Amino acid sequence: MTRSRRIAAVLLPFAAGYYLSYLFRTINALIAADLASEVGLTAADLGMLTSVYFLMFAGAQIPFGLLLDRHGPCLIQSSLLLIASAGALLFALADSLALLVIGRALIGIGAALALMAGFKAIVLWFPAERLALVNGWFVMLGALGAVTATAPAELVIGAVGWRGLFAVLGGLSAAVALLMVLIVPNAPRPRRSARPPPAVTFLMIYRDRRFWRLAPLSALGVGTSWSLQGLWAAPWLGDVDGLDRGGVVEILSLMAIVVSASGLMLGLVADQVRRRGGATEHVLLGTVGLSLAAQAALVLELPLPPALLWSAIAAAGAATVVSYATLADNFPKEVSGRANAALNILHVSAAFLVQSVIGVIIAQWPATGSHAPATAHRSALAVIVAAEAAAVAFFVLTSRHRPAAARGGRWEPGPLSAVGAGRAPVLVRHQQMSWRARVHGVRGREPARPPERRRPASPIDGR
């Protein structure tokens, strides 16, 4: 299949599914005031209602992640989009908090694998050396859903109300599911070994030390950005910065444009870093560090333009481009759905906790009308900043204590081209050999590593 056909038949349908997922994730920031006034929701209710999406999202990762590797991304994603369609229609008809929660939960389940299914399709259909770049295009196109969840959605709400908007989203979700079934080709089948391969479980992935070097930084950095953009940015802009609805929509629109553009930019940067023999994880560290600095500036009331600070926070929401490209260095494509889902569970779990914790902390201060005091917002964000700072410190410290050969040294093309994106460190290649042995049931001993390159044993390597 030519590159143009892969883009049209594979990338675009899955990007459309991720687009809807992103729109569902961020739309509550725009309709929060409408929900509070029409249904009588408090700040804690809004935090719980919006975060239910992430809770169900996280819970669906393990069972559907397994099905994703077994049945392929097209069947699973199209089926889930139908669930999202039903949830959107229920949300549109709901007249109580309980029904809103059920509708939001169904939307969370239906959108749970939009990102993972897209990455799985990219791994199956695109060359390994271009993964970071194609991931960037995918995230950029999908993040346009956040753009739609601002000024364009405001126009729809003005015409048909927020209930009409969700009815439209339900219809679009069903239409994209049908499009996938009609145009996405069958994925290439991997060669099967004579003996059935050993099962690769989520526990094996979660016991990998390399996974946990990356996970806290990625989960808190990405999850915080999702939480703020998806809900709490709008109340902050209104309560702390004193902006009217038009001003809030303007900043939210800018954030949506930034997160979309950042998906492509981070993919391009990660691609160039790989070509020069660098580590993409450093791109992740820089992106999360910039977001953390912007949040600290908000807490400390530094005299910086809100548009600049919120743009930096939004950019971290696209850092999944770098996270999953880095993760691909350690896990072969046969288990990429499970490996990516294992990390995505932490992303959405962090988003759920951050969104809920902020709502609970803000609710501790008495509101003035429909506005919470600025101190409440700053106190809540200060708690999140402290947690993110700890994750950054953990990542830096564990990087420092890695053997010198793992931090730098000689780089050369890896033999498992399906695993990484072009070039991988010699040490990681040996670690990948163990994963390949697990997946394909390969027997025999691996080549001995030079003593100076030996790393501490990892439970997932079986050593």
Protein backbone atom coordinates (compact mmCIF):
# COMPACT_ATOMS: atom_id res chain seq x y z
CA MET A 1 0.00 0.00 0.00
CA THR A 2 1.38 3.42 -0.97
CA ARG A 3 1.97 6.14 1.60
CA SER A 4 -0.93 8.28 0.34
CA ARG A 5 -3.32 5.32 0.60
CA ARG A 6 -2.10 4.54 4.12
CA ILE A 7 -2.80 8.12 5.13
CA ALA A 8 -6.27 8.19 3.55
CA ALA A 9 -7.42 4.71 4.58
CA VAL A 10 -5.70 4.31 7.97
CA LEU A 11 -4.49 7.57 9.50
CA LEU A 12 -7.48 9.80 8.73
CA PRO A 13 -10.29 7.52 10.05
CA PHE A 14 -8.46 6.90 13.32
CA ALA A 15 -7.59 10.59 13.59
CA ALA A 16 -11.33 11.30 13.26
CA GLY A 17 -12.03 8.96 16.18
CA TYR A 18 -9.35 10.65 18.28
CA TYR A 19 -10.76 14.03 17.24
CA LEU A 20 -14.12 13.08 18.78
CA SER A 21 -12.39 11.72 21.89
CA TYR A 22 -10.53 15.00 22.38
CA LEU A 23 -13.71 17.01 21.82
CA PHE A 24 -15.60 14.94 24.40
CA ARG A 25 -12.72 15.30 26.85
CA THR A 26 -12.54 19.11 26.70
CA ILE A 27 -16.12 20.19 25.99
CA ASN A 28 -17.14 20.39 29.67
CA ALA A 29 -14.87 23.40 30.14
CA LEU A 30 -17.14 25.31 27.77
CA ILE A 31 -20.48 24.15 29.16
CA ALA A 32 -19.53 24.11 32.86
CA ALA A 33 -21.48 27.30 33.61
CA ASP A 34 -24.53 26.00 31.72
CA LEU A 35 -24.48 22.72 33.62
CA ALA A 36 -24.09 24.50 36.96
CA SER A 37 -27.04 26.83 36.32
CA GLU A 38 -29.41 24.41 34.57
CA VAL A 39 -28.82 21.25 36.61
CA GLY A 40 -27.61 22.96 39.82
CA LEU A 41 -24.11 21.45 39.98
CA THR A 42 -21.47 22.59 42.51
CA ALA A 43 -17.71 22.79 41.88
CA ALA A 44 -17.27 19.34 43.42
CA ASP A 45 -20.09 17.97 41.23
CA LEU A 46 -18.48 19.44 38.10
CA GLY A 47 -15.12 17.95 39.03
CA MET A 48 -16.66 14.53 39.66
CA LEU A 49 -18.83 14.60 36.53
CA THR A 50 -15.99 15.60 34.23
CA SER A 51 -13.49 13.22 35.81
CA VAL A 52 -15.84 10.23 35.43
CA TYR A 53 -14.75 10.29 31.79
CA PHE A 54 -11.16 9.62 32.87
CA LEU A 55 -12.19 6.99 35.44
CA MET A 56 -14.06 4.90 32.88
CA PHE A 57 -11.37 5.66 30.33
CA ALA A 58 -8.76 4.14 32.64
CA GLY A 59 -10.88 1.13 33.56
CA ALA A 60 -11.37 0.21 29.90
CA GLN A 61 -7.67 0.18 29.04
CA ILE A 62 -6.77 -3.33 30.23
CA PRO A 63 -9.68 -5.37 28.79
CA PHE A 64 -9.88 -3.42 25.55
CA GLY A 65 -6.09 -3.15 25.28
CA LEU A 66 -5.95 -6.96 25.17
CA LEU A 67 -8.71 -7.05 22.55
CA LEU A 68 -6.86 -4.42 20.55
CA ASP A 69 -3.83 -6.69 20.12
CA ARG A 70 -6.04 -9.71 19.46
CA HIS A 71 -8.65 -8.36 17.05
CA GLY A 72 -7.04 -5.27 15.59
CA PRO A 73 -7.77 -1.55 15.97
CA CYS A 74 -10.56 -1.22 13.39
CA LEU A 75 -13.07 -3.64 14.94
CA ILE A 76 -12.46 -2.47 18.51
CA GLN A 77 -12.47 1.25 17.81
CA SER A 78 -15.58 1.21 15.61
CA SER A 79 -17.47 -0.78 18.27
CA LEU A 80 -16.43 1.59 21.04
CA LEU A 81 -17.47 4.64 19.04
CA LEU A 82 -21.01 3.28 18.99
CA ILE A 83 -20.93 3.20 22.80
CA ALA A 84 -19.73 6.82 22.80
CA SER A 85 -22.62 7.69 20.49
CA ALA A 86 -25.14 6.20 22.93
CA GLY A 87 -23.50 8.04 25.84
CA ALA A 88 -23.65 11.39 24.03
CA LEU A 89 -27.34 10.94 23.28
CA LEU A 90 -28.06 10.05 26.92
CA PHE A 91 -26.06 13.09 28.08
CA ALA A 92 -28.16 15.27 25.78
CA LEU A 93 -31.39 13.99 27.34
CA ALA A 94 -30.24 13.93 30.99
CA ASP A 95 -32.02 16.12 33.53
CA SER A 96 -30.19 15.03 36.69
CA LEU A 97 -26.63 14.56 37.91
CA ALA A 98 -27.05 10.77 37.94
CA LEU A 99 -28.03 10.58 34.27
CA LEU A 100 -25.28 13.02 33.31
CA VAL A 101 -22.76 10.78 35.09
CA ILE A 102 -24.02 7.65 33.29
CA GLY A 103 -23.89 9.39 29.93
CA ARG A 104 -20.42 10.74 30.64
CA ALA A 105 -19.28 7.27 31.74
CA LEU A 106 -20.48 5.71 28.47
CA ILE A 107 -18.68 8.44 26.54
CA GLY A 108 -15.51 7.65 28.52
CA ILE A 109 -15.74 3.95 27.66
CA GLY A 110 -16.46 4.69 24.01
CA ALA A 111 -13.52 7.07 23.68
CA ALA A 112 -11.14 4.97 25.79
CA LEU A 113 -9.06 3.50 22.98
CA ALA A 114 -9.20 6.33 20.43
CA LEU A 115 -5.57 7.22 21.06
CA MET A 116 -4.37 3.64 21.55
CA ALA A 117 -6.17 2.32 18.46
CA GLY A 118 -4.61 5.05 16.35
CA PHE A 119 -1.12 4.33 17.64
CA LYS A 120 -1.68 0.60 17.11
CA ALA A 121 -2.79 1.21 13.50
CA ILE A 122 0.27 3.39 12.93
CA VAL A 123 2.60 0.69 14.28
CA LEU A 124 0.97 -1.89 11.99
CA TRP A 125 0.85 0.15 8.80
CA PHE A 126 3.71 2.67 8.86
CA PRO A 127 7.50 2.10 8.82
CA ALA A 128 9.07 1.98 12.26
CA GLU A 129 11.61 4.72 11.59
CA ARG A 130 8.76 7.21 11.01
CA LEU A 131 6.67 6.39 14.09
CA ALA A 132 7.38 9.60 16.01
CA LEU A 133 6.57 11.77 12.98
CA VAL A 134 3.35 9.93 12.06
CA ASN A 135 2.33 9.93 15.74
CA GLY A 136 2.76 13.70 15.66
CA TRP A 137 0.49 14.09 12.64
CA PHE A 138 -2.09 11.81 14.26
CA VAL A 139 -2.14 13.75 17.53
CA MET A 140 -2.25 17.08 15.70
CA LEU A 141 -5.30 16.03 13.67
CA GLY A 142 -7.03 14.53 16.69
CA ALA A 143 -6.31 17.53 18.90
CA LEU A 144 -8.31 19.67 16.46
CA GLY A 145 -11.20 18.31 18.52
CA ALA A 146 -10.05 20.64 21.30
CA VAL A 147 -10.21 23.52 18.81
CA THR A 148 -13.78 22.56 17.91
CA ALA A 149 -14.66 22.46 21.62
CA THR A 150 -14.14 26.24 21.89
CA ALA A 151 -15.46 28.94 19.53
CA PRO A 152 -17.07 26.55 16.97
CA ALA A 153 -18.88 24.67 19.74
CA GLU A 154 -19.92 27.99 21.25
CA LEU A 155 -21.66 28.83 17.96
CA VAL A 156 -23.48 25.49 17.97
CA ILE A 157 -24.52 25.97 21.60
CA GLY A 158 -25.85 29.41 20.75
CA ALA A 159 -27.99 27.88 17.98
CA VAL A 160 -29.24 24.60 19.49
CA GLY A 161 -28.00 24.60 23.10
CA TRP A 162 -25.59 22.22 24.79
CA ARG A 163 -28.10 19.38 24.53
CA GLY A 164 -28.33 19.82 20.77
CA LEU A 165 -24.54 19.85 20.58
CA PHE A 166 -24.32 16.45 22.27
CA ALA A 167 -27.00 15.04 19.98
CA VAL A 168 -24.86 16.13 17.00
CA LEU A 169 -21.77 14.54 18.58
CA GLY A 170 -23.66 11.27 19.05
CA GLY A 171 -24.51 11.20 15.36
CA LEU A 172 -20.93 12.01 14.33
CA SER A 173 -19.56 9.20 16.52
CA ALA A 174 -21.80 6.66 14.80
CA ALA A 175 -20.81 8.03 11.38
CA VAL A 176 -17.07 7.69 12.08
CA ALA A 177 -17.62 4.10 13.30
CA LEU A 178 -19.29 3.27 9.99
CA LEU A 179 -16.49 5.00 8.05
CA MET A 180 -13.87 2.83 9.74
CA VAL A 181 -15.70 -0.38 8.88
CA LEU A 182 -16.03 0.68 5.24
CA ILE A 183 -12.55 1.99 4.36
CA VAL A 184 -9.90 0.72 6.82
CA PRO A 185 -8.11 -2.30 5.27
CA ASN A 186 -7.30 -5.50 7.10
CA ALA A 187 -4.06 -5.24 9.06
CA PRO A 188 -1.07 -7.30 7.88
CA ARG A 189 -0.91 -10.57 9.79
CA PRO A 190 2.31 -11.33 11.69
CA ARG A 191 4.08 -14.61 11.11
CA ARG A 192 3.02 -17.24 13.61
CA SER A 193 5.54 -19.45 15.34
CA ALA A 194 5.14 -23.25 15.43
CA ARG A 195 4.49 -23.15 19.16
CA PRO A 196 2.01 -20.77 20.79
CA PRO A 197 3.89 -17.84 22.33
CA PRO A 198 3.84 -17.26 26.09
CA ALA A 199 1.20 -14.83 27.29
CA VAL A 200 2.42 -11.27 27.84
CA THR A 201 0.50 -9.74 30.71
CA PHE A 202 0.05 -6.21 31.99
CA LEU A 203 1.79 -7.31 35.18
CA MET A 204 4.96 -8.04 33.18
CA ILE A 205 4.84 -4.58 31.70
CA TYR A 206 4.17 -2.91 35.05
CA ARG A 207 7.15 -4.74 36.60
CA ASP A 208 9.56 -3.27 34.08
CA ARG A 209 11.88 -0.70 35.63
CA ARG A 210 12.30 1.12 32.33
CA PHE A 211 8.53 1.60 32.20
CA TRP A 212 8.52 3.23 35.64
CA ARG A 213 11.32 5.63 34.75
CA LEU A 214 9.00 7.17 32.18
CA ALA A 215 5.55 6.66 33.73
CA PRO A 216 5.37 9.20 36.62
CA LEU A 217 6.69 12.08 34.52
CA SER A 218 4.45 11.31 31.55
CA ALA A 219 1.34 10.56 33.62
CA LEU A 220 1.41 13.69 35.77
CA GLY A 221 2.64 15.98 33.00
CA VAL A 222 0.06 14.87 30.44
CA GLY A 223 -2.74 14.18 32.95
CA THR A 224 -2.48 17.64 34.52
CA SER A 225 -2.63 19.34 31.13
CA TRP A 226 -5.70 17.30 30.18
CA SER A 227 -7.41 18.13 33.48
CA LEU A 228 -6.81 21.86 33.31
CA GLN A 229 -7.70 22.21 29.65
CA GLY A 230 -10.70 19.90 30.00
CA LEU A 231 -12.32 21.74 32.92
CA TRP A 232 -10.46 23.98 35.37
CA ALA A 233 -8.85 26.45 32.96
CA ALA A 234 -12.22 28.10 32.27
CA PRO A 235 -13.18 28.65 35.96
CA TRP A 236 -9.66 29.97 36.65
CA LEU A 237 -9.88 32.47 33.79
CA GLY A 238 -13.26 33.66 35.04
CA ASP A 239 -12.69 33.62 38.81
CA VAL A 240 -9.00 34.57 39.02
CA ASP A 241 -8.37 36.63 35.89
CA GLY A 242 -11.87 38.14 35.75
CA LEU A 243 -12.49 37.40 32.06
CA ASP A 244 -15.99 37.34 30.63
CA ARG A 245 -17.30 34.38 28.62
CA GLY A 246 -15.90 35.77 25.37
CA GLY A 247 -12.44 36.18 26.91
CA VAL A 248 -12.54 32.68 28.35
CA VAL A 249 -13.49 31.17 24.99
CA GLU A 250 -10.65 33.11 23.36
CA ILE A 251 -8.02 31.64 25.72
CA LEU A 252 -9.51 28.15 25.43
CA SER A 253 -9.38 28.45 21.63
CA LEU A 254 -5.71 29.44 21.82
CA MET A 255 -4.97 26.48 24.08
CA ALA A 256 -6.70 24.13 21.65
CA ILE A 257 -4.70 25.48 18.70
CA VAL A 258 -1.47 25.15 20.70
CA VAL A 259 -2.11 21.54 21.72
CA SER A 260 -2.91 20.62 18.13
CA ALA A 261 0.19 22.32 16.73
CA SER A 262 2.32 20.86 19.53
CA GLY A 263 1.41 17.33 18.48
CA LEU A 264 3.07 17.87 15.11
CA MET A 265 5.95 19.97 16.45
CA LEU A 266 6.87 17.44 19.15
CA GLY A 267 6.73 14.68 16.54
CA LEU A 268 9.11 16.62 14.28
CA VAL A 269 11.46 17.42 17.15
CA ALA A 270 11.48 13.82 18.40
CA ASP A 271 12.12 12.59 14.85
CA GLN A 272 15.13 14.89 14.49
CA VAL A 273 16.45 13.97 17.94
CA ARG A 274 16.35 10.28 16.96
CA ARG A 275 18.13 10.94 13.69
CA ARG A 276 20.95 12.61 15.60
CA GLY A 277 21.26 9.77 18.09
CA GLY A 278 19.57 11.55 20.98
CA ALA A 279 16.95 10.38 23.47
CA THR A 280 13.33 11.39 22.91
CA GLU A 281 12.68 11.22 26.64
CA HIS A 282 14.57 14.51 26.98
CA VAL A 283 11.99 16.13 24.72
CA LEU A 284 9.31 14.88 27.12
CA LEU A 285 11.22 16.29 30.10
CA GLY A 286 11.52 19.70 28.46
CA THR A 287 7.84 19.82 27.54
CA VAL A 288 6.60 18.86 31.01
CA GLY A 289 9.15 21.19 32.61
CA LEU A 290 7.83 24.13 30.60
CA SER A 291 4.25 23.32 31.63
CA LEU A 292 5.30 23.02 35.28
CA ALA A 293 7.03 26.41 35.15
CA ALA A 294 3.86 28.00 33.72
CA GLN A 295 1.70 26.48 36.48
CA ALA A 296 4.12 27.72 39.13
CA ALA A 297 3.93 31.21 37.61
CA LEU A 298 0.13 31.11 37.95
CA VAL A 299 0.34 30.05 41.59
CA LEU A 300 2.95 32.73 42.39
CA GLU A 301 0.98 35.45 40.56
CA LEU A 302 3.91 36.37 38.32
CA PRO A 303 3.07 39.24 35.94
CA LEU A 304 3.03 37.18 32.74
CA PRO A 305 0.33 37.12 30.04
CA PRO A 306 -2.30 34.43 30.79
CA ALA A 307 -2.34 33.43 27.11
CA LEU A 308 1.38 32.58 27.28
CA LEU A 309 1.11 30.55 30.48
CA TRP A 310 -1.98 28.58 29.46
CA SER A 311 -0.43 27.85 26.05
CA ALA A 312 2.59 26.27 27.73
CA ILE A 313 0.28 24.16 29.89
CA ALA A 314 -1.75 23.05 26.87
CA ALA A 315 1.37 22.00 24.94
CA ALA A 316 2.09 19.27 27.52
CA GLY A 317 -1.20 17.60 26.59
CA ALA A 318 0.39 16.54 23.28
CA ALA A 319 3.44 15.00 24.95
CA THR A 320 1.93 11.55 24.40
CA VAL A 321 3.61 11.76 20.99
CA VAL A 322 6.98 11.54 22.71
CA SER A 323 5.89 9.17 25.49
CA TYR A 324 4.68 6.44 23.17
CA ALA A 325 7.58 6.84 20.75
CA THR A 326 9.92 6.32 23.74
CA LEU A 327 7.88 3.36 24.95
CA ALA A 328 8.17 1.74 21.51
CA ASP A 329 11.93 1.36 22.10
CA ASN A 330 11.31 -1.28 24.76
CA PHE A 331 8.29 -3.25 23.52
CA PRO A 332 7.72 -5.00 20.16
CA LYS A 333 4.69 -4.15 18.05
CA GLU A 334 2.93 -7.42 18.91
CA VAL A 335 2.36 -6.09 22.46
CA SER A 336 2.33 -2.38 21.62
CA GLY A 337 -1.41 -2.16 22.33
CA ARG A 338 -0.92 -3.49 25.85
CA ALA A 339 2.24 -1.45 26.52
CA ASN A 340 0.62 1.77 25.34
CA ALA A 341 -2.57 0.97 27.26
CA ALA A 342 -0.52 0.37 30.42
CA LEU A 343 0.89 3.89 30.17
CA ASN A 344 -2.42 5.40 29.11
CA ILE A 345 -4.07 3.98 32.23
CA LEU A 346 -1.70 6.13 34.25
CA HIS A 347 -2.35 9.18 32.04
CA VAL A 348 -6.09 9.08 32.50
CA SER A 349 -5.87 8.00 36.15
CA ALA A 350 -3.70 11.03 36.85
CA ALA A 351 -6.16 13.24 34.95
CA PHE A 352 -9.05 11.80 37.00
CA LEU A 353 -7.25 12.40 40.29
CA VAL A 354 -6.08 15.90 39.38
CA GLN A 355 -9.53 16.96 38.19
CA SER A 356 -11.24 15.53 41.29
CA VAL A 357 -8.68 16.85 43.79
CA ILE A 358 -8.86 20.38 42.38
CA GLY A 359 -12.66 20.32 42.65
CA VAL A 360 -12.58 19.08 46.25
CA ILE A 361 -9.99 21.68 47.31
CA ILE A 362 -11.84 24.56 45.64
CA ALA A 363 -15.07 23.48 47.34
CA GLN A 364 -13.45 24.09 50.75
CA TRP A 365 -13.80 27.86 50.19
CA PRO A 366 -17.26 29.48 50.18
CA ALA A 367 -18.25 30.68 46.73
CA THR A 368 -19.41 34.20 45.96
CA GLY A 369 -22.36 33.63 43.68
CA SER A 370 -21.09 31.37 40.90
CA HIS A 371 -17.43 32.30 41.46
CA ALA A 372 -14.87 30.66 43.73
CA PRO A 373 -12.20 32.86 45.38
CA ALA A 374 -8.81 33.16 43.66
CA THR A 375 -7.11 31.73 46.76
CA ALA A 376 -9.04 28.48 46.33
CA HIS A 377 -7.84 28.05 42.75
CA ARG A 378 -4.23 28.87 43.59
CA SER A 379 -4.18 26.54 46.59
CA ALA A 380 -5.54 23.66 44.51
CA LEU A 381 -3.05 24.21 41.70
CA ALA A 382 -0.17 24.49 44.21
CA VAL A 383 -0.86 20.92 45.36
CA ILE A 384 -0.69 19.68 41.75
CA VAL A 385 2.52 21.63 41.09
CA ALA A 386 4.18 19.94 44.07
CA ALA A 387 3.25 16.48 42.75
CA GLU A 388 4.55 17.27 39.27
CA ALA A 389 7.80 18.64 40.68
CA ALA A 390 8.31 15.35 42.54
CA ALA A 391 7.79 13.40 39.29
CA VAL A 392 10.35 15.56 37.48
CA ALA A 393 12.85 15.07 40.32
CA PHE A 394 12.32 11.29 40.22
CA PHE A 395 12.95 11.18 36.48
CA VAL A 396 16.13 13.26 36.74
CA LEU A 397 17.50 11.25 39.66
CA THR A 398 16.85 7.87 38.02
CA SER A 399 18.48 9.16 34.83
CA ARG A 400 21.57 10.13 36.79
CA HIS A 401 21.91 6.70 38.36
CA ARG A 402 21.69 4.80 35.09
CA PRO A 403 24.91 3.24 33.81
CA ALA A 404 26.94 5.50 31.51
CA ALA A 405 26.38 3.21 28.52
CA ALA A 406 22.63 3.56 28.93
CA ARG A 407 22.72 7.35 29.15
CA GLY A 408 24.81 7.91 26.06
CA GLY A 409 27.64 6.01 24.46
CA ARG A 410 27.57 4.39 21.04
CA TRP A 411 24.33 4.25 19.07
CA GLU A 412 23.76 2.02 16.09
CA PRO A 413 20.80 0.70 14.12
CA GLY A 414 18.76 -1.83 16.11
CA PRO A 415 18.05 -5.28 14.58
CA LEU A 416 14.39 -5.14 15.64
CA SER A 417 13.18 -2.48 13.23
CA ALA A 418 9.55 -3.13 14.21
CA VAL A 419 10.24 -2.17 17.81
CA GLY A 420 11.84 1.23 17.84
CA ALA A 421 11.74 4.19 15.55
CA GLY A 422 14.95 3.72 13.60
CA ARG A 423 17.81 3.83 16.08
CA ALA A 424 18.02 2.42 19.57
CA PRO A 425 20.82 2.14 22.15
CA VAL A 426 22.74 -1.13 22.22
CA LEU A 427 21.47 -1.87 25.73
CA VAL A 428 17.84 -1.40 24.79
CA ARG A 429 18.30 -3.73 21.83
CA HIS A 430 19.38 -6.53 24.18
CA GLN A 431 16.39 -5.80 26.42
CA GLN A 432 14.12 -5.95 23.40
CA MET A 433 15.52 -9.39 22.52
CA SER A 434 13.95 -10.73 25.69
CA TRP A 435 10.60 -9.24 24.73
CA ARG A 436 10.85 -10.78 21.28
CA ALA A 437 11.59 -14.13 22.85
CA ARG A 438 8.47 -13.79 25.02
CA VAL A 439 6.23 -12.79 22.14
CA HIS A 440 7.40 -15.28 19.52
CA GLY A 441 8.47 -18.13 21.78
CA VAL A 442 12.07 -17.90 20.53
CA ARG A 443 14.36 -20.41 22.18
CA GLY A 444 18.05 -20.27 22.76
CA ARG A 445 20.33 -17.96 24.66
CA GLU A 446 20.86 -14.34 23.73
CA PRO A 447 24.34 -13.14 22.84
CA ALA A 448 26.39 -12.30 25.89
CA ARG A 449 26.70 -8.61 26.61
CA PRO A 450 30.00 -6.94 27.38
CA PRO A 451 30.44 -6.59 31.15
CA GLU A 452 30.64 -2.80 31.02
CA ARG A 453 27.24 -2.67 29.34
CA ARG A 454 25.40 -4.92 31.80
CA ARG A 455 22.44 -3.34 33.60
CA PRO A 456 20.69 -4.39 36.80
CA ALA A 457 18.19 -7.18 36.25
CA SER A 458 14.63 -6.18 35.40
CA PRO A 459 11.77 -8.54 36.34
CA ILE A 460 10.26 -8.22 32.90
CA ASP A 461 13.40 -9.50 31.17
CA GLY A 462 13.26 -12.80 32.96
CA ARG A 463 16.79 -12.42 34.33
